[in-house]
Each structure stands twice: as structure tokens, then as C-alpha cells.
């Protein structure tokens, strides 16, 4: 039903959502606290993204078993060192297996039981963690556990709706969400792009940034061998305007740390595997 606005009432409307001038709103914002910005501990990544602010939704993606979850776990550990304690929704593995990745010094939170495909429940747990523990950083691993493909008539639109809902949760509750999303292929001979993220372009369109994790492979006698070092590509960071910059990291003591010369832009060509035959 269409409801026409009442012109006379709106002339004197003074609600919290009333229309105001740029200058009036700027003056009001002077008295508001600054938006918190958190750093991941991977210095060059933080520089490219200009840190990570509350209210933002970030997508973490890449080929299977290339380090998506490891990157998120690394950020969790580095945040904890700064007194920033994360809430995790880890749908892919058991809580026991997940907790094995963290020693007792790492403080963080997760629900005692998980409930998938229920965004109302997700939002309630986020609010609970914020009110109880002051949690402002959320990790969800991964997107497709929030979505029931068997009852969906249009997966792309439904996933787009989920992404927008999560972005709204970020803004309303002033938290950061890092959302792991799978690619349409499990592996490839090419560097992944945000166009490879599975099922919906809305995932990228409705988020504040996309981080892609991958490793360069070398084909030796027909078998692909991947380098131990990983590459984190800032496919898109809206606030800083960065697109396509890359940071090389290595695996040390169960976390990813940046290498001595982590800014490799451009990296060596990786459109296809290097082919070595011995």
C-alpha cells in the first residue's frame, strides 16, 4: 500500500531522522567519537586498507586450501595481542578442531552451539558478544552456511540479500565482519579475482573490501607443487581506493607473517603455472 506524505505535518517535523543541512550534521558529528580502526598485524596489508573500521564488511576468498581460514586465524591472534577479542562462527570444522589452532594465551569467543541458516540468530550472538565482552570483530566461516541452496529459487539474489543484511548488522551494531566466501572452482591455474567468488556478484558489490589468498604453483613433471609462501591480494578496498595490490606472506609458527619485502606489485606473471620438466 502506498502512503502519501502529509505536507503540512512534514513542514514542522522534528524527528530523529529529519532532513538537515550538511553544515548542521557536520557540527553534530564533531562531538561524536572517532570510528575505531583496527590493524591486523600484517603491516603492509593494514597500509593498503588503511586499517579496518567498525561498520565494514570484508570478504575473504581464494582457492580451496590456500589459506583463507589461516589468514583469519592470524588476524584473530594479532587482534588479541592488541586487546581486541574476536567472535567466531566456525561452521566448517568442529569447535574442538578449531580451538586446537589457538594456544591458551589467545582470548576469543564462539557460540557453545552453532545454528546455521539463521541470520536472526547470528545477529543475536553478535549483540550478545558485544554487550558481554565488548567484541567488535566477527569472523564467519563461511557464507554458504547462512544460506539454504535446496529451498532457494534464486541463489544469487538470496545471497545478495544475506550480504546486505550482514552489512546492515555491521553498521547498526558498529562491528567489523570478515566473511569467508568460497570460489566457484576449488583450484585454478590462474590468480583468483573477485569475479571467481561463488554464486553472486552482490557479495562483492555490497561489501567494503575483498581479500584473496592464494599461492603460486609450479608444475614439475606434470604435478603441481605450490610455494610455501602465500599472497594476499587486496582485490578491492573501497575506503582506501586500492585495487589489485598484493602482499607476500609466509607461514611461521602457525600464523602468516609478511616477508622482508612484502610489497610485490606487480608480482611475477602467474596467469598459468610455471612448467618445469626435469
C-alpha atoms as a PDB file:
ATOM      1  CA  UNK A   1       0.000   0.000   0.000  1.00  0.00           C
ATOM      2  CA  UNK A   2       1.297   3.438  -0.967  1.00  0.00           C
ATOM      3  CA  UNK A   3       1.015   6.103   1.735  1.00  0.00           C
ATOM      4  CA  UNK A   4       1.271   9.695   0.505  1.00  0.00           C
ATOM      5  CA  UNK A   5       3.311  12.083   2.727  1.00  0.00           C
ATOM      6  CA  UNK A   6       1.420  14.825   4.612  1.00  0.00           C
ATOM      7  CA  UNK A   7       2.983  18.118   3.506  1.00  0.00           C
ATOM      8  CA  UNK A   8       1.700  20.219   6.406  1.00  0.00           C
ATOM      9  CA  UNK A   9       2.944  17.821   9.082  1.00  0.00           C
ATOM     10  CA  UNK A  10       6.319  17.453   7.403  1.00  0.00           C
ATOM     11  CA  UNK A  11       6.858  21.223   7.390  1.00  0.00           C
ATOM     12  CA  UNK A  12       7.200  21.084  11.187  1.00  0.00           C
ATOM     13  CA  UNK A  13       8.582  17.552  11.515  1.00  0.00           C
ATOM     14  CA  UNK A  14      11.321  17.304  14.155  1.00  0.00           C
ATOM     15  CA  UNK A  15      12.015  13.564  14.429  1.00  0.00           C
ATOM     16  CA  UNK A  16      15.443  11.998  14.796  1.00  0.00           C
ATOM     17  CA  UNK A  17      15.501  11.324  11.043  1.00  0.00           C
ATOM     18  CA  UNK A  18      14.538  14.834   9.981  1.00  0.00           C
ATOM     19  CA  UNK A  19      16.314  16.358   6.986  1.00  0.00           C
ATOM     20  CA  UNK A  20      19.156  18.704   7.985  1.00  0.00           C
ATOM     21  CA  UNK A  21      21.879  20.692   6.217  1.00  0.00           C
ATOM     22  CA  UNK A  22      25.400  19.432   5.583  1.00  0.00           C
ATOM     23  CA  UNK A  23      26.820  22.004   7.994  1.00  0.00           C
ATOM     24  CA  UNK A  24      24.383  21.090  10.798  1.00  0.00           C
ATOM     25  CA  UNK A  25      25.224  17.403  10.533  1.00  0.00           C
ATOM     26  CA  UNK A  26      28.974  18.145  10.378  1.00  0.00           C
ATOM     27  CA  UNK A  27      28.680  20.177  13.586  1.00  0.00           C
ATOM     28  CA  UNK A  28      26.846  17.344  15.288  1.00  0.00           C
ATOM     29  CA  UNK A  29      29.494  14.841  14.194  1.00  0.00           C
ATOM     30  CA  UNK A  30      32.279  16.924  15.784  1.00  0.00           C
ATOM     31  CA  UNK A  31      31.075  15.745  19.171  1.00  0.00           C
ATOM     32  CA  UNK A  32      30.854  12.091  18.156  1.00  0.00           C
ATOM     33  CA  UNK A  33      33.707   9.667  18.973  1.00  0.00           C
ATOM     34  CA  UNK A  34      36.052   8.698  16.149  1.00  0.00           C
ATOM     35  CA  UNK A  35      35.275   5.462  14.297  1.00  0.00           C
ATOM     36  CA  UNK A  36      37.554   2.717  15.722  1.00  0.00           C
ATOM     37  CA  UNK A  37      40.133   1.408  13.263  1.00  0.00           C
ATOM     38  CA  UNK A  38      41.851  -1.922  13.913  1.00  0.00           C
ATOM     39  CA  UNK A  39      45.079  -3.289  12.438  1.00  0.00           C
ATOM     40  CA  UNK A  40      45.632  -6.934  11.532  1.00  0.00           C
ATOM     41  CA  UNK A  41      49.312  -7.004  12.456  1.00  0.00           C
ATOM     42  CA  UNK A  42      50.257  -7.565   8.807  1.00  0.00           C
ATOM     43  CA  UNK A  43      51.673  -4.077   8.369  1.00  0.00           C
ATOM     44  CA  UNK A  44      51.617  -3.718   4.584  1.00  0.00           C
ATOM     45  CA  UNK A  45      48.095  -5.114   4.404  1.00  0.00           C
ATOM     46  CA  UNK A  46      46.995  -2.569   7.003  1.00  0.00           C
ATOM     47  CA  UNK A  47      48.642   0.203   4.991  1.00  0.00           C
ATOM     48  CA  UNK A  48      46.866  -0.802   1.790  1.00  0.00           C
ATOM     49  CA  UNK A  49      43.463  -0.972   3.503  1.00  0.00           C
ATOM     50  CA  UNK A  50      44.131   1.972   5.858  1.00  0.00           C
ATOM     51  CA  UNK A  51      43.147  -0.338   8.708  1.00  0.00           C
ATOM     52  CA  UNK A  52      39.740  -1.928   9.201  1.00  0.00           C
ATOM     53  CA  UNK A  53      36.878   0.153  10.598  1.00  0.00           C
ATOM     54  CA  UNK A  54      33.767  -0.814  12.508  1.00  0.00           C
ATOM     55  CA  UNK A  55      30.757  -0.741  10.209  1.00  0.00           C
ATOM     56  CA  UNK A  56      32.637  -2.568   7.456  1.00  0.00           C
ATOM     57  CA  UNK A  57      32.004  -5.966   5.849  1.00  0.00           C
ATOM     58  CA  UNK A  58      35.078  -7.656   4.347  1.00  0.00           C
ATOM     59  CA  UNK A  59      35.092 -10.731   2.114  1.00  0.00           C
ATOM     60  CA  UNK A  60      37.936 -13.250   2.421  1.00  0.00           C
ATOM     61  CA  UNK A  61      38.159 -15.665  -0.502  1.00  0.00           C
ATOM     62  CA  UNK A  62      40.533 -17.749  -2.620  1.00  0.00           C
ATOM     63  CA  UNK A  63      41.042 -21.262  -3.942  1.00  0.00           C
ATOM     64  CA  UNK A  64      40.434 -24.193  -1.586  1.00  0.00           C
ATOM     65  CA  UNK A  65      43.187 -24.883   0.994  1.00  0.00           C
ATOM     66  CA  UNK A  66      45.177 -21.804   0.018  1.00  0.00           C
ATOM     67  CA  UNK A  67      44.949 -20.072   3.415  1.00  0.00           C
ATOM     68  CA  UNK A  68      41.627 -18.252   3.792  1.00  0.00           C
ATOM     69  CA  UNK A  69      40.961 -19.592   7.273  1.00  0.00           C
ATOM     70  CA  UNK A  70      44.645 -19.292   8.219  1.00  0.00           C
ATOM     71  CA  UNK A  71      44.574 -15.585   7.327  1.00  0.00           C
ATOM     72  CA  UNK A  72      41.515 -15.103   9.534  1.00  0.00           C
ATOM     73  CA  UNK A  73      43.120 -17.046  12.385  1.00  0.00           C
ATOM     74  CA  UNK A  74      46.256 -14.931  12.034  1.00  0.00           C
ATOM     75  CA  UNK A  75      44.199 -11.750  12.287  1.00  0.00           C
ATOM     76  CA  UNK A  76      42.404 -13.176  15.337  1.00  0.00           C
ATOM     77  CA  UNK A  77      45.701 -13.834  17.116  1.00  0.00           C
ATOM     78  CA  UNK A  78      47.117 -10.425  16.199  1.00  0.00           C
ATOM     79  CA  UNK A  79      43.937  -8.640  17.268  1.00  0.00           C
ATOM     80  CA  UNK A  80      44.053 -10.485  20.605  1.00  0.00           C
ATOM     81  CA  UNK A  81      47.591  -9.207  21.208  1.00  0.00           C
ATOM     82  CA  UNK A  82      46.115  -5.698  20.973  1.00  0.00           C
ATOM     83  CA  UNK A  83      43.292  -6.494  23.409  1.00  0.00           C
ATOM     84  CA  UNK A  84      40.751  -6.815  20.576  1.00  0.00           C
ATOM     85  CA  UNK A  85      38.882 -10.083  21.079  1.00  0.00           C
ATOM     86  CA  UNK A  86      37.035 -11.710  18.187  1.00  0.00           C
ATOM     87  CA  UNK A  87      33.794 -13.674  17.898  1.00  0.00           C
ATOM     88  CA  UNK A  88      33.931 -16.684  15.560  1.00  0.00           C
ATOM     89  CA  UNK A  89      31.234 -18.636  13.748  1.00  0.00           C
ATOM     90  CA  UNK A  90      33.192 -21.648  12.511  1.00  0.00           C
ATOM     91  CA  UNK A  91      30.758 -23.834  10.589  1.00  0.00           C
ATOM     92  CA  UNK A  92      33.227 -25.930   8.577  1.00  0.00           C
ATOM     93  CA  UNK A  93      35.030 -27.672  11.432  1.00  0.00           C
ATOM     94  CA  UNK A  94      34.189 -28.720  14.988  1.00  0.00           C
ATOM     95  CA  UNK A  95      34.853 -26.396  17.898  1.00  0.00           C
ATOM     96  CA  UNK A  96      37.456 -28.870  19.199  1.00  0.00           C
ATOM     97  CA  UNK A  97      39.379 -28.804  15.917  1.00  0.00           C
ATOM     98  CA  UNK A  98      39.060 -25.034  15.681  1.00  0.00           C
ATOM     99  CA  UNK A  99      40.376 -24.430  19.197  1.00  0.00           C
ATOM    100  CA  UNK A 100      43.434 -26.579  18.504  1.00  0.00           C
ATOM    101  CA  UNK A 101      44.672 -23.718  16.322  1.00  0.00           C
ATOM    102  CA  UNK A 102      44.950 -21.362  19.319  1.00  0.00           C
ATOM    103  CA  UNK A 103      47.032 -21.653  22.457  1.00  0.00           C
ATOM    104  CA  UNK A 104      45.617 -20.667  25.853  1.00  0.00           C
ATOM    105  CA  UNK A 105      47.007 -17.135  25.629  1.00  0.00           C
ATOM    106  CA  UNK A 106      44.650 -16.197  22.769  1.00  0.00           C
ATOM    107  CA  UNK A 107      41.364 -14.733  24.012  1.00  0.00           C
ATOM    108  CA  UNK A 108      38.337 -15.041  21.759  1.00  0.00           C
ATOM    109  CA  UNK A 109      34.711 -16.171  21.739  1.00  0.00           C
ATOM    110  CA  UNK A 110      32.388 -18.518  19.871  1.00  0.00           C
ATOM    111  CA  UNK A 111      28.847 -19.843  20.466  1.00  0.00           C
ATOM    112  CA  UNK A 112      28.698 -23.015  22.569  1.00  0.00           C
ATOM    113  CA  UNK A 113      26.458 -24.466  19.826  1.00  0.00           C
ATOM    114  CA  UNK A 114      26.026 -23.404  16.224  1.00  0.00           C
ATOM    115  CA  UNK A 115      22.819 -22.771  14.330  1.00  0.00           C
ATOM    116  CA  UNK A 116      23.156 -22.352  10.585  1.00  0.00           C
ATOM    117  CA  UNK A 117      20.898 -20.671   8.039  1.00  0.00           C
ATOM    118  CA  UNK A 118      19.539 -18.206  10.639  1.00  0.00           C
ATOM    119  CA  UNK A 119      20.675 -14.595  10.377  1.00  0.00           C
ATOM    120  CA  UNK A 120      18.483 -13.562  13.312  1.00  0.00           C
ATOM    121  CA  UNK A 121      20.444 -15.994  15.494  1.00  0.00           C
ATOM    122  CA  UNK A 122      23.758 -14.716  14.065  1.00  0.00           C
ATOM    123  CA  UNK A 123      22.801 -11.110  14.877  1.00  0.00           C
ATOM    124  CA  UNK A 124      21.669 -12.062  18.406  1.00  0.00           C
ATOM    125  CA  UNK A 125      25.024 -13.761  19.137  1.00  0.00           C
ATOM    126  CA  UNK A 126      26.904 -10.741  17.787  1.00  0.00           C
ATOM    127  CA  UNK A 127      24.947  -8.402  20.054  1.00  0.00           C
ATOM    128  CA  UNK A 128      25.431 -10.803  22.981  1.00  0.00           C
ATOM    129  CA  UNK A 129      29.215 -10.895  22.481  1.00  0.00           C
ATOM    130  CA  UNK A 130      29.378  -7.122  22.158  1.00  0.00           C
ATOM    131  CA  UNK A 131      27.323  -6.499  25.293  1.00  0.00           C
ATOM    132  CA  UNK A 132      29.089  -9.148  27.409  1.00  0.00           C
ATOM    133  CA  UNK A 133      32.663  -8.819  26.180  1.00  0.00           C
ATOM    134  CA  UNK A 134      32.908  -5.669  24.086  1.00  0.00           C
ATOM    135  CA  UNK A 135      33.543  -7.724  20.949  1.00  0.00           C
ATOM    136  CA  UNK A 136      33.693  -5.704  17.734  1.00  0.00           C
ATOM    137  CA  UNK A 137      35.427  -8.107  15.308  1.00  0.00           C
ATOM    138  CA  UNK A 138      33.449 -11.019  13.853  1.00  0.00           C
ATOM    139  CA  UNK A 139      34.588 -13.918  11.649  1.00  0.00           C
ATOM    140  CA  UNK A 140      32.078 -16.097   9.772  1.00  0.00           C
ATOM    141  CA  UNK A 141      33.458 -19.214   8.075  1.00  0.00           C
ATOM    142  CA  UNK A 142      31.702 -19.433   5.742  1.00  0.00           C
ATOM    143  CA  UNK A 143      28.937 -17.655   3.774  1.00  0.00           C
ATOM    144  CA  UNK A 144      27.145 -20.722   2.386  1.00  0.00           C
ATOM    145  CA  UNK A 145      26.264 -21.965   5.869  1.00  0.00           C
ATOM    146  CA  UNK A 146      23.986 -18.924   6.110  1.00  0.00           C
ATOM    147  CA  UNK A 147      22.071 -19.987   3.027  1.00  0.00           C
ATOM    148  CA  UNK A 148      19.879 -22.982   2.146  1.00  0.00           C
ATOM    149  CA  UNK A 149      20.527 -23.796  -1.504  1.00  0.00           C
ATOM    150  CA  UNK A 150      17.862 -26.515  -1.502  1.00  0.00           C
ATOM    151  CA  UNK A 151      14.971 -24.123  -0.941  1.00  0.00           C
ATOM    152  CA  UNK A 152      16.297 -21.152  -2.873  1.00  0.00           C
ATOM    153  CA  UNK A 153      14.665 -20.215  -6.153  1.00  0.00           C
ATOM    154  CA  UNK A 154      17.333 -17.626  -6.963  1.00  0.00           C
ATOM    155  CA  UNK A 155      20.648 -18.247  -5.144  1.00  0.00           C
ATOM    156  CA  UNK A 156      22.255 -15.080  -6.476  1.00  0.00           C
ATOM    157  CA  UNK A 157      19.521 -12.796  -5.137  1.00  0.00           C
ATOM    158  CA  UNK A 158      19.238 -14.678  -1.859  1.00  0.00           C
ATOM    159  CA  UNK A 159      22.971 -14.496  -1.213  1.00  0.00           C
ATOM    160  CA  UNK A 160      22.897 -10.828  -2.146  1.00  0.00           C
ATOM    161  CA  UNK A 161      20.199 -10.355   0.493  1.00  0.00           C
ATOM    162  CA  UNK A 162      22.360 -12.116   3.087  1.00  0.00           C
ATOM    163  CA  UNK A 163      25.343  -9.911   2.263  1.00  0.00           C
ATOM    164  CA  UNK A 164      23.258  -6.743   2.583  1.00  0.00           C
ATOM    165  CA  UNK A 165      21.829  -7.955   5.895  1.00  0.00           C
ATOM    166  CA  UNK A 166      25.329  -8.576   7.236  1.00  0.00           C
ATOM    167  CA  UNK A 167      26.424  -5.125   6.074  1.00  0.00           C
ATOM    168  CA  UNK A 168      23.433  -3.671   7.911  1.00  0.00           C
ATOM    169  CA  UNK A 169      24.454  -5.555  11.067  1.00  0.00           C
ATOM    170  CA  UNK A 170      27.950  -4.046  10.783  1.00  0.00           C
ATOM    171  CA  UNK A 171      26.531  -0.538  10.600  1.00  0.00           C
ATOM    172  CA  UNK A 172      23.821  -0.911  13.228  1.00  0.00           C
ATOM    173  CA  UNK A 173      25.992  -2.600  15.854  1.00  0.00           C
ATOM    174  CA  UNK A 174      29.302  -0.936  14.938  1.00  0.00           C
ATOM    175  CA  UNK A 175      31.259  -4.143  14.342  1.00  0.00           C
ATOM    176  CA  UNK A 176      33.551  -5.478  11.598  1.00  0.00           C
ATOM    177  CA  UNK A 177      32.619  -8.738   9.907  1.00  0.00           C
ATOM    178  CA  UNK A 178      35.140 -10.816   7.968  1.00  0.00           C
ATOM    179  CA  UNK A 179      33.069 -13.189   5.852  1.00  0.00           C
ATOM    180  CA  UNK A 180      34.774 -16.191   4.234  1.00  0.00           C
ATOM    181  CA  UNK A 181      33.330 -16.979   0.797  1.00  0.00           C
ATOM    182  CA  UNK A 182      34.280 -19.878  -1.453  1.00  0.00           C
ATOM    183  CA  UNK A 183      35.145 -19.611  -5.117  1.00  0.00           C
ATOM    184  CA  UNK A 184      33.212 -21.234  -7.951  1.00  0.00           C
ATOM    185  CA  UNK A 185      36.208 -23.513  -8.620  1.00  0.00           C
ATOM    186  CA  UNK A 186      38.259 -25.306  -5.980  1.00  0.00           C
ATOM    187  CA  UNK A 187      41.537 -24.550  -7.752  1.00  0.00           C
ATOM    188  CA  UNK A 188      42.803 -22.995 -10.930  1.00  0.00           C
ATOM    189  CA  UNK A 189      45.950 -22.269 -12.889  1.00  0.00           C
ATOM    190  CA  UNK A 190      45.189 -18.549 -12.714  1.00  0.00           C
ATOM    191  CA  UNK A 191      45.296 -15.939  -9.989  1.00  0.00           C
ATOM    192  CA  UNK A 192      41.815 -15.653  -8.415  1.00  0.00           C
ATOM    193  CA  UNK A 193      39.780 -12.493  -8.840  1.00  0.00           C
ATOM    194  CA  UNK A 194      36.693 -11.250  -7.063  1.00  0.00           C
ATOM    195  CA  UNK A 195      34.755 -12.479 -10.084  1.00  0.00           C
ATOM    196  CA  UNK A 196      35.614 -16.047  -9.066  1.00  0.00           C
ATOM    197  CA  UNK A 197      33.615 -15.824  -5.822  1.00  0.00           C
ATOM    198  CA  UNK A 198      30.835 -18.374  -5.877  1.00  0.00           C
ATOM    199  CA  UNK A 199      27.182 -17.694  -6.726  1.00  0.00           C
ATOM    200  CA  UNK A 200      26.640 -13.934  -6.609  1.00  0.00           C
ATOM    201  CA  UNK A 201      28.231 -10.669  -7.760  1.00  0.00           C
ATOM    202  CA  UNK A 202      26.334  -8.989  -4.911  1.00  0.00           C
ATOM    203  CA  UNK A 203      28.874 -10.455  -2.457  1.00  0.00           C
ATOM    204  CA  UNK A 204      31.493  -8.050  -3.749  1.00  0.00           C
ATOM    205  CA  UNK A 205      29.147  -5.197  -4.601  1.00  0.00           C
ATOM    206  CA  UNK A 206      27.655  -4.965  -1.119  1.00  0.00           C
ATOM    207  CA  UNK A 207      30.901  -5.331   0.866  1.00  0.00           C
ATOM    208  CA  UNK A 208      33.597  -2.812   1.763  1.00  0.00           C
ATOM    209  CA  UNK A 209      36.516  -4.856   0.524  1.00  0.00           C
ATOM    210  CA  UNK A 210      37.761  -8.208  -0.729  1.00  0.00           C
ATOM    211  CA  UNK A 211      40.916 -10.079   0.297  1.00  0.00           C
ATOM    212  CA  UNK A 212      42.038 -13.006  -1.855  1.00  0.00           C
ATOM    213  CA  UNK A 213      44.529 -15.600  -0.611  1.00  0.00           C
ATOM    214  CA  UNK A 214      46.478 -17.843  -2.989  1.00  0.00           C
ATOM    215  CA  UNK A 215      49.824 -19.471  -3.709  1.00  0.00           C
ATOM    216  CA  UNK A 216      51.886 -19.693  -6.868  1.00  0.00           C
ATOM    217  CA  UNK A 217      52.182 -23.209  -8.256  1.00  0.00           C
ATOM    218  CA  UNK A 218      54.968 -24.803 -10.252  1.00  0.00           C
ATOM    219  CA  UNK A 219      54.325 -27.815 -12.474  1.00  0.00           C
ATOM    220  CA  UNK A 220      57.148 -30.323 -12.066  1.00  0.00           C
ATOM    221  CA  UNK A 221      56.966 -33.433 -14.250  1.00  0.00           C
ATOM    222  CA  UNK A 222      53.229 -32.902 -14.655  1.00  0.00           C
ATOM    223  CA  UNK A 223      52.492 -32.451 -10.935  1.00  0.00           C
ATOM    224  CA  UNK A 224      51.713 -29.045  -9.468  1.00  0.00           C
ATOM    225  CA  UNK A 225      53.772 -28.078  -6.418  1.00  0.00           C
ATOM    226  CA  UNK A 226      52.731 -24.931  -4.572  1.00  0.00           C
ATOM    227  CA  UNK A 227      55.138 -22.482  -2.986  1.00  0.00           C
ATOM    228  CA  UNK A 228      55.034 -22.296   0.796  1.00  0.00           C
ATOM    229  CA  UNK A 229      54.722 -18.512   0.706  1.00  0.00           C
ATOM    230  CA  UNK A 230      51.215 -17.126   0.237  1.00  0.00           C
ATOM    231  CA  UNK A 231      49.981 -13.986  -1.440  1.00  0.00           C
ATOM    232  CA  UNK A 232      47.241 -11.807  -0.009  1.00  0.00           C
ATOM    233  CA  UNK A 233      45.696  -9.670  -2.718  1.00  0.00           C
ATOM    234  CA  UNK A 234      43.623  -6.624  -1.846  1.00  0.00           C
ATOM    235  CA  UNK A 235      41.226  -7.123  -4.732  1.00  0.00           C
ATOM    236  CA  UNK A 236      39.205  -4.144  -3.540  1.00  0.00           C
ATOM    237  CA  UNK A 237      39.350  -1.747  -0.595  1.00  0.00           C
ATOM    238  CA  UNK A 238      36.689   0.903  -1.086  1.00  0.00           C
ATOM    239  CA  UNK A 239      37.778   3.326   1.641  1.00  0.00           C
ATOM    240  CA  UNK A 240      41.431   3.484   0.576  1.00  0.00           C
ATOM    241  CA  UNK A 241      40.668   3.090  -3.126  1.00  0.00           C
ATOM    242  CA  UNK A 242      43.227   0.293  -3.501  1.00  0.00           C
ATOM    243  CA  UNK A 243      42.550  -2.432  -6.052  1.00  0.00           C
ATOM    244  CA  UNK A 244      44.765  -5.340  -7.036  1.00  0.00           C
ATOM    245  CA  UNK A 245      47.741  -4.671  -4.735  1.00  0.00           C
ATOM    246  CA  UNK A 246      49.453  -7.737  -3.299  1.00  0.00           C
ATOM    247  CA  UNK A 247      51.394  -8.622  -0.159  1.00  0.00           C
ATOM    248  CA  UNK A 248      53.552 -11.739   0.120  1.00  0.00           C
ATOM    249  CA  UNK A 249      53.420 -13.567   3.456  1.00  0.00           C
ATOM    250  CA  UNK A 250      54.970 -16.738   4.857  1.00  0.00           C
ATOM    251  CA  UNK A 251      53.838 -19.366   7.341  1.00  0.00           C
ATOM    252  CA  UNK A 252      55.708 -19.125  10.651  1.00  0.00           C
ATOM    253  CA  UNK A 253      54.636 -20.690  13.978  1.00  0.00           C
ATOM    254  CA  UNK A 254      51.016 -21.255  12.874  1.00  0.00           C
ATOM    255  CA  UNK A 255      50.455 -17.715  11.585  1.00  0.00           C
ATOM    256  CA  UNK A 256      51.088 -15.719   8.413  1.00  0.00           C
ATOM    257  CA  UNK A 257      53.754 -13.037   8.683  1.00  0.00           C
ATOM    258  CA  UNK A 258      54.793 -10.628   5.989  1.00  0.00           C
ATOM    259  CA  UNK A 259      58.111 -11.175   4.270  1.00  0.00           C
ATOM    260  CA  UNK A 260      61.002  -8.722   4.375  1.00  0.00           C
ATOM    261  CA  UNK A 261      59.973  -7.325   1.005  1.00  0.00           C
ATOM    262  CA  UNK A 262      56.209  -7.947   1.122  1.00  0.00           C
ATOM    263  CA  UNK A 263      55.198  -5.338  -1.460  1.00  0.00           C
ATOM    264  CA  UNK A 264      55.481  -7.170  -4.752  1.00  0.00           C
ATOM    265  CA  UNK A 265      53.458  -5.105  -7.216  1.00  0.00           C
ATOM    266  CA  UNK A 266      53.368  -6.430  -9.774  1.00  0.00           C
ATOM    267  CA  UNK A 267      54.210  -9.996  -8.839  1.00  0.00           C
ATOM    268  CA  UNK A 268      55.853 -12.253 -11.409  1.00  0.00           C
ATOM    269  CA  UNK A 269      53.356 -13.380 -14.087  1.00  0.00           C
ATOM    270  CA  UNK A 270      51.084 -16.094 -12.714  1.00  0.00           C
ATOM    271  CA  UNK A 271      48.412 -16.413 -15.369  1.00  0.00           C
ATOM    272  CA  UNK A 272      49.369 -20.056 -15.605  1.00  0.00           C
ATOM    273  CA  UNK A 273      51.607 -22.407 -13.694  1.00  0.00           C
ATOM    274  CA  UNK A 274      55.293 -22.255 -14.398  1.00  0.00           C
ATOM    275  CA  UNK A 275      56.120 -25.521 -16.151  1.00  0.00           C
ATOM    276  CA  UNK A 276      59.337 -27.272 -15.233  1.00  0.00           C
ATOM    277  CA  UNK A 277      60.225 -30.675 -16.625  1.00  0.00           C
ATOM    278  CA  UNK A 278      63.179 -32.488 -15.125  1.00  0.00           C
END
